[in-house]
Protein backbone atom coordinates (compact mmCIF):
# COMPACT_ATOMS: atom_id res chain seq x y z
CA MET A 1 82.86 28.10 20.06
CA ARG A 2 81.08 31.28 21.10
CA ARG A 3 84.26 33.15 21.96
CA PRO A 4 85.89 32.80 18.48
CA LEU A 5 82.64 33.80 16.73
CA SER A 6 82.03 36.79 19.01
CA ALA A 7 85.63 37.95 18.91
CA SER A 8 86.06 37.99 15.14
CA GLY A 9 85.38 41.71 14.86
CA PRO A 10 82.68 44.10 13.64
CA ASN A 11 82.43 42.40 10.22
CA ASN A 12 81.24 39.17 11.83
CA PRO A 13 77.57 38.76 10.78
CA TYR A 14 76.78 36.24 13.54
CA ARG A 15 75.46 37.14 16.97
CA THR A 16 74.12 35.10 19.84
CA GLY A 17 70.34 35.08 20.12
CA SER A 18 68.69 37.34 22.65
CA SER A 19 66.35 34.63 23.93
CA ALA A 20 69.00 32.07 24.91
CA GLY A 21 72.42 32.93 23.50
CA TYR A 22 74.94 30.64 25.15
CA ARG A 23 74.66 28.48 28.25
CA ASN A 24 76.88 25.78 29.72
CA ASP A 25 75.29 24.63 32.98
CA PRO A 26 75.19 20.90 33.83
CA LYS A 27 72.19 21.47 36.17
CA ALA A 28 70.03 23.11 33.48
CA LYS A 29 68.09 21.44 30.66
CA PRO A 30 69.47 21.53 28.05
CA ALA A 31 72.88 21.64 29.73
CA VAL A 32 74.66 23.19 26.75
CA LEU A 33 72.88 25.59 24.40
CA LEU A 34 74.11 27.90 21.64
CA ASP A 35 71.84 30.07 19.49
CA MET A 36 73.31 32.12 16.65
CA THR A 37 71.61 34.34 14.07
CA ASN A 38 72.78 36.24 11.02
CA ASP A 39 70.73 39.41 10.54
CA ARG A 40 71.86 39.93 6.92
CA THR A 41 70.77 36.50 5.68
CA ALA A 42 68.10 35.63 8.30
CA TYR A 43 69.83 32.29 8.97
CA ALA A 44 69.48 30.91 12.49
CA VAL A 45 71.40 28.00 14.04
CA SER A 46 70.72 26.35 17.37
CA ALA A 47 72.75 23.54 18.93
CA GLN A 48 71.94 21.94 22.26
CA THR A 49 72.43 18.77 24.24
CA ALA A 50 69.53 16.31 24.14
CA GLY A 51 68.18 14.07 26.86
CA ASP A 52 70.08 13.31 30.04
CA SER A 53 73.37 12.64 28.27
CA ALA A 54 75.84 15.11 26.81
CA GLN A 55 76.56 12.48 24.15
CA HIS A 56 73.46 13.47 22.14
CA MET A 57 72.98 16.76 20.33
CA VAL A 58 70.14 18.53 18.54
CA LEU A 59 71.15 20.81 15.66
CA ARG A 60 68.53 23.08 14.13
CA VAL A 61 69.07 25.35 11.10
CA ASN A 62 66.43 27.82 9.94
CA LEU A 63 66.80 29.32 6.48
CA PRO A 64 64.66 31.88 4.68
CA CYS A 65 62.74 30.77 1.60
CA HIS A 66 65.00 31.06 -1.44
CA LEU A 67 63.62 31.51 -4.92
CA PRO A 68 65.61 30.98 -8.11
CA PRO A 69 66.66 34.14 -9.99
CA GLY A 70 63.74 35.68 -11.87
CA ALA A 71 61.06 33.68 -10.01
CA GLU A 72 58.19 35.39 -8.22
CA GLN A 73 56.64 34.31 -4.94
CA GLN A 74 53.35 32.46 -5.46
CA GLN A 75 50.44 32.09 -3.04
CA PHE A 76 48.85 28.64 -2.76
C-alpha cells in the first residue's frame, strides 16, 4: 500500500509520518504499521495490527474540526 501512495508523483498530498511511517516486522509490536498524513488538509490515518494476531487491525483517522460555511469558532 505504501509503494503506490508514495510513487504517485509530486501532486500526491499523502506522506508517511516521520514518527513511524511504515513497518512490516513480525517480531515488532505492532507487527505492521502505516502512518499517513496530508499536510494540506491536516488529515492523519494510522493502521496497525492489534494484539498477537495479524487478523485484527486498528484503524485511526484524525480530522481537523470542520465548521459549516459562515460559522465562527466558539469558546466554551
